[in-house]
Amino acid sequence: MSSNPPAMPVERRQYPELREIFEEAYTRVETCFDPKQTWGGLPLEHFAFRMLREAYPQFSSQEARLLVGALLRVYSERQPGRAAAMAQKAVQGAA
């Protein structure tokens, strides 16, 4: 009976350079995701995109949008109470 070595997991990430700057980017834009920080009652997520484009001009618009989406997901995991308030505001704004 031969023992096969365990299979190496396949790397699915397509943007490893975004992973490298993730925590730094999170620190830069975290306040933009805080539901207490608004502009006329609107969330500041678009500012996060602009801040990242300024700070990391080497990334395309698509990469910056991917990064904002990932940062927003991590924010909701790290700040569950604030993320719930943000979701509630979004629902109220859409009604």
N, C-alpha and C. Protein backbone atom coordinates (compact mmCIF):
# COMPACT_ATOMS: atom_id res chain seq x y z
N MET A 1 0.85 -1.17 0.00
CA MET A 1 0.00 0.00 0.00
C MET A 1 0.90 1.24 0.00
N SER A 2 0.73 2.07 -0.98
CA SER A 2 1.56 3.27 -1.08
C SER A 2 0.82 4.45 -0.49
N SER A 3 1.58 5.30 0.17
CA SER A 3 0.95 6.49 0.73
C SER A 3 1.22 7.67 -0.19
N ASN A 4 0.17 8.30 -0.58
CA ASN A 4 0.29 9.48 -1.44
C ASN A 4 0.46 10.71 -0.58
N PRO A 5 1.35 11.61 -0.99
CA PRO A 5 1.49 12.86 -0.22
C PRO A 5 0.20 13.67 -0.33
N PRO A 6 -0.13 14.42 0.70
CA PRO A 6 -1.35 15.24 0.64
C PRO A 6 -1.27 16.23 -0.51
N ALA A 7 -2.40 16.43 -1.16
CA ALA A 7 -2.47 17.35 -2.29
C ALA A 7 -2.33 18.79 -1.80
N MET A 8 -1.58 19.57 -2.53
CA MET A 8 -1.41 20.99 -2.20
C MET A 8 -2.69 21.73 -2.59
N PRO A 9 -3.18 22.59 -1.71
CA PRO A 9 -4.38 23.36 -2.07
C PRO A 9 -4.09 24.28 -3.26
N VAL A 10 -5.08 24.42 -4.09
CA VAL A 10 -4.94 25.28 -5.26
C VAL A 10 -5.19 26.73 -4.84
N GLU A 11 -4.29 27.61 -5.22
CA GLU A 11 -4.43 29.04 -4.92
C GLU A 11 -5.47 29.64 -5.86
N ARG A 12 -6.56 30.14 -5.30
CA ARG A 12 -7.62 30.71 -6.12
C ARG A 12 -7.53 32.22 -6.24
N ARG A 13 -6.78 32.83 -5.40
CA ARG A 13 -6.70 34.30 -5.43
C ARG A 13 -6.03 34.76 -6.70
N GLN A 14 -6.60 35.80 -7.28
CA GLN A 14 -6.06 36.31 -8.53
C GLN A 14 -5.26 37.60 -8.35
N TYR A 15 -5.34 38.20 -7.18
CA TYR A 15 -4.71 39.49 -6.94
C TYR A 15 -3.86 39.44 -5.68
N PRO A 16 -2.74 38.74 -5.69
CA PRO A 16 -1.92 38.64 -4.47
C PRO A 16 -1.38 39.99 -4.01
N GLU A 17 -1.23 40.94 -4.92
CA GLU A 17 -0.72 42.25 -4.53
C GLU A 17 -1.73 43.01 -3.65
N LEU A 18 -3.01 42.71 -3.81
CA LEU A 18 -4.02 43.33 -2.94
C LEU A 18 -3.92 42.77 -1.52
N ARG A 19 -3.62 41.49 -1.41
CA ARG A 19 -3.46 40.87 -0.10
C ARG A 19 -2.29 41.50 0.65
N GLU A 20 -1.25 41.86 -0.07
CA GLU A 20 -0.06 42.43 0.56
C GLU A 20 -0.36 43.75 1.26
N ILE A 21 -1.26 44.54 0.71
CA ILE A 21 -1.52 45.87 1.28
C ILE A 21 -2.85 45.91 2.03
N PHE A 22 -3.48 44.76 2.22
CA PHE A 22 -4.83 44.71 2.78
C PHE A 22 -4.96 45.41 4.13
N GLU A 23 -4.14 45.04 5.10
CA GLU A 23 -4.26 45.62 6.45
C GLU A 23 -3.97 47.12 6.44
N GLU A 24 -3.00 47.53 5.66
CA GLU A 24 -2.70 48.96 5.55
C GLU A 24 -3.89 49.70 4.94
N ALA A 25 -4.47 49.13 3.91
CA ALA A 25 -5.63 49.75 3.26
C ALA A 25 -6.81 49.79 4.22
N TYR A 26 -7.00 48.73 4.99
CA TYR A 26 -8.09 48.69 5.97
C TYR A 26 -7.96 49.84 6.96
N THR A 27 -6.76 50.04 7.45
CA THR A 27 -6.52 51.12 8.41
C THR A 27 -6.84 52.49 7.78
N ARG A 28 -6.50 52.65 6.53
CA ARG A 28 -6.74 53.92 5.83
C ARG A 28 -8.23 54.26 5.72
N VAL A 29 -9.06 53.26 5.43
CA VAL A 29 -10.45 53.55 5.07
C VAL A 29 -11.49 53.06 6.07
N GLU A 30 -11.06 52.52 7.19
CA GLU A 30 -11.99 51.96 8.17
C GLU A 30 -13.07 52.97 8.57
N THR A 31 -12.71 54.21 8.76
CA THR A 31 -13.70 55.21 9.19
C THR A 31 -14.76 55.46 8.12
N CYS A 32 -14.45 55.19 6.88
CA CYS A 32 -15.45 55.36 5.81
C CYS A 32 -16.60 54.37 5.93
N PHE A 33 -16.39 53.26 6.61
CA PHE A 33 -17.41 52.23 6.76
C PHE A 33 -18.24 52.40 8.02
N ASP A 34 -17.82 53.30 8.91
CA ASP A 34 -18.54 53.52 10.15
C ASP A 34 -19.88 54.19 9.84
N PRO A 35 -21.00 53.57 10.23
CA PRO A 35 -22.31 54.15 9.91
C PRO A 35 -22.57 55.49 10.58
N LYS A 36 -21.78 55.83 11.60
CA LYS A 36 -21.94 57.14 12.24
C LYS A 36 -21.32 58.24 11.39
N GLN A 37 -20.43 57.85 10.49
CA GLN A 37 -19.77 58.81 9.60
C GLN A 37 -20.52 58.82 8.26
N THR A 38 -21.29 59.85 8.02
CA THR A 38 -22.04 59.94 6.77
C THR A 38 -21.88 61.33 6.18
N TRP A 39 -22.33 61.45 4.97
CA TRP A 39 -22.36 62.75 4.31
C TRP A 39 -23.79 62.95 3.84
N GLY A 40 -24.53 63.76 4.56
CA GLY A 40 -25.93 63.96 4.24
C GLY A 40 -26.74 62.68 4.39
N GLY A 41 -26.34 61.83 5.32
CA GLY A 41 -27.04 60.58 5.55
C GLY A 41 -26.59 59.44 4.64
N LEU A 42 -25.68 59.71 3.72
CA LEU A 42 -25.20 58.67 2.80
C LEU A 42 -23.89 58.10 3.30
N PRO A 43 -23.68 56.79 3.11
CA PRO A 43 -22.42 56.19 3.56
C PRO A 43 -21.23 56.73 2.76
N LEU A 44 -20.06 56.58 3.32
CA LEU A 44 -18.85 57.14 2.73
C LEU A 44 -18.02 56.11 1.95
N GLU A 45 -18.65 55.03 1.53
CA GLU A 45 -17.91 53.98 0.83
C GLU A 45 -17.24 54.51 -0.44
N HIS A 46 -17.88 55.44 -1.11
CA HIS A 46 -17.27 55.99 -2.33
C HIS A 46 -15.98 56.75 -2.01
N PHE A 47 -15.90 57.32 -0.80
CA PHE A 47 -14.65 57.96 -0.39
C PHE A 47 -13.55 56.93 -0.17
N ALA A 48 -13.93 55.77 0.33
CA ALA A 48 -12.95 54.70 0.51
C ALA A 48 -12.33 54.35 -0.85
N PHE A 49 -13.15 54.24 -1.86
CA PHE A 49 -12.65 53.94 -3.21
C PHE A 49 -11.68 55.03 -3.67
N ARG A 50 -12.07 56.27 -3.50
CA ARG A 50 -11.20 57.38 -3.95
C ARG A 50 -9.91 57.43 -3.15
N MET A 51 -10.00 57.20 -1.84
CA MET A 51 -8.79 57.20 -1.00
C MET A 51 -7.82 56.11 -1.43
N LEU A 52 -8.36 54.95 -1.75
CA LEU A 52 -7.50 53.85 -2.18
C LEU A 52 -6.89 54.12 -3.55
N ARG A 53 -7.64 54.72 -4.43
CA ARG A 53 -7.11 55.04 -5.76
C ARG A 53 -5.97 56.05 -5.64
N GLU A 54 -6.11 56.99 -4.71
CA GLU A 54 -5.04 57.97 -4.48
C GLU A 54 -3.81 57.33 -3.85
N ALA A 55 -4.04 56.49 -2.86
CA ALA A 55 -2.93 55.89 -2.12
C ALA A 55 -2.21 54.81 -2.94
N TYR A 56 -2.93 54.14 -3.82
CA TYR A 56 -2.36 53.04 -4.60
C TYR A 56 -2.68 53.23 -6.09
N PRO A 57 -2.06 54.20 -6.73
CA PRO A 57 -2.38 54.48 -8.13
C PRO A 57 -2.02 53.34 -9.08
N GLN A 58 -1.20 52.40 -8.62
CA GLN A 58 -0.80 51.29 -9.48
C GLN A 58 -1.95 50.30 -9.71
N PHE A 59 -3.00 50.37 -8.89
CA PHE A 59 -4.13 49.46 -9.04
C PHE A 59 -5.19 50.05 -9.95
N SER A 60 -5.81 49.20 -10.73
CA SER A 60 -6.87 49.63 -11.64
C SER A 60 -8.14 49.93 -10.84
N SER A 61 -9.11 50.53 -11.49
CA SER A 61 -10.40 50.79 -10.84
C SER A 61 -11.04 49.49 -10.38
N GLN A 62 -10.95 48.46 -11.20
CA GLN A 62 -11.53 47.17 -10.84
C GLN A 62 -10.86 46.60 -9.59
N GLU A 63 -9.56 46.69 -9.51
CA GLU A 63 -8.85 46.19 -8.33
C GLU A 63 -9.23 46.99 -7.09
N ALA A 64 -9.37 48.31 -7.24
CA ALA A 64 -9.76 49.15 -6.10
C ALA A 64 -11.17 48.78 -5.64
N ARG A 65 -12.07 48.51 -6.57
CA ARG A 65 -13.43 48.11 -6.19
C ARG A 65 -13.43 46.76 -5.49
N LEU A 66 -12.63 45.83 -5.98
CA LEU A 66 -12.51 44.53 -5.32
C LEU A 66 -12.00 44.71 -3.90
N LEU A 67 -11.02 45.57 -3.75
CA LEU A 67 -10.45 45.82 -2.44
C LEU A 67 -11.47 46.45 -1.50
N VAL A 68 -12.23 47.42 -1.98
CA VAL A 68 -13.26 48.04 -1.14
C VAL A 68 -14.29 46.99 -0.71
N GLY A 69 -14.70 46.14 -1.63
CA GLY A 69 -15.66 45.09 -1.28
C GLY A 69 -15.12 44.15 -0.21
N ALA A 70 -13.87 43.75 -0.36
CA ALA A 70 -13.25 42.85 0.62
C ALA A 70 -13.08 43.56 1.96
N LEU A 71 -12.67 44.81 1.92
CA LEU A 71 -12.51 45.58 3.16
C LEU A 71 -13.84 45.75 3.88
N LEU A 72 -14.89 45.98 3.13
CA LEU A 72 -16.22 46.13 3.71
C LEU A 72 -16.68 44.82 4.36
N ARG A 73 -16.41 43.70 3.72
CA ARG A 73 -16.76 42.40 4.32
C ARG A 73 -16.00 42.18 5.62
N VAL A 74 -14.71 42.51 5.62
CA VAL A 74 -13.91 42.34 6.83
C VAL A 74 -14.39 43.31 7.92
N TYR A 75 -14.74 44.52 7.55
CA TYR A 75 -15.27 45.47 8.52
C TYR A 75 -16.52 44.90 9.18
N SER A 76 -17.42 44.31 8.39
CA SER A 76 -18.65 43.77 8.96
C SER A 76 -18.37 42.59 9.89
N GLU A 77 -17.28 41.84 9.63
CA GLU A 77 -16.90 40.75 10.52
C GLU A 77 -16.26 41.28 11.80
N ARG A 78 -15.45 42.31 11.68
CA ARG A 78 -14.73 42.85 12.84
C ARG A 78 -15.60 43.76 13.69
N GLN A 79 -16.59 44.39 13.08
CA GLN A 79 -17.47 45.34 13.78
C GLN A 79 -18.92 44.92 13.56
N PRO A 80 -19.37 43.79 14.07
CA PRO A 80 -20.71 43.30 13.74
C PRO A 80 -21.84 44.26 14.12
N GLY A 81 -21.72 44.96 15.24
CA GLY A 81 -22.77 45.90 15.64
C GLY A 81 -22.87 47.08 14.69
N ARG A 82 -21.75 47.60 14.30
CA ARG A 82 -21.74 48.74 13.39
C ARG A 82 -22.19 48.32 11.99
N ALA A 83 -21.81 47.14 11.58
CA ALA A 83 -22.19 46.65 10.26
C ALA A 83 -23.70 46.45 10.17
N ALA A 84 -24.31 45.98 11.25
CA ALA A 84 -25.75 45.80 11.27
C ALA A 84 -26.46 47.14 11.15
N ALA A 85 -25.93 48.16 11.83
CA ALA A 85 -26.50 49.50 11.72
C ALA A 85 -26.36 50.03 10.31
N MET A 86 -25.24 49.74 9.67
CA MET A 86 -25.00 50.19 8.30
C MET A 86 -26.00 49.52 7.35
N ALA A 87 -26.25 48.23 7.52
CA ALA A 87 -27.19 47.51 6.68
C ALA A 87 -28.61 48.05 6.88
N GLN A 88 -28.95 48.36 8.13
CA GLN A 88 -30.29 48.89 8.41
C GLN A 88 -30.47 50.25 7.75
N LYS A 89 -29.45 51.10 7.79
CA LYS A 89 -29.54 52.40 7.13
C LYS A 89 -29.70 52.25 5.63
N ALA A 90 -29.00 51.28 5.04
CA ALA A 90 -29.10 51.05 3.60
C ALA A 90 -30.52 50.64 3.23
N VAL A 91 -31.14 49.80 4.04
CA VAL A 91 -32.50 49.36 3.78
C VAL A 91 -33.46 50.53 3.91
N GLN A 92 -33.28 51.35 4.93
CA GLN A 92 -34.14 52.51 5.14
C GLN A 92 -33.99 53.52 4.00
N GLY A 93 -32.77 53.68 3.52
CA GLY A 93 -32.52 54.62 2.42
C GLY A 93 -33.14 54.15 1.13
N ALA A 94 -33.24 52.83 0.93
CA ALA A 94 -33.78 52.28 -0.31
C ALA A 94 -35.31 52.33 -0.30
N ALA A 95 -35.92 52.43 0.88
CA ALA A 95 -37.39 52.42 0.98
C ALA A 95 -37.97 53.77 0.62
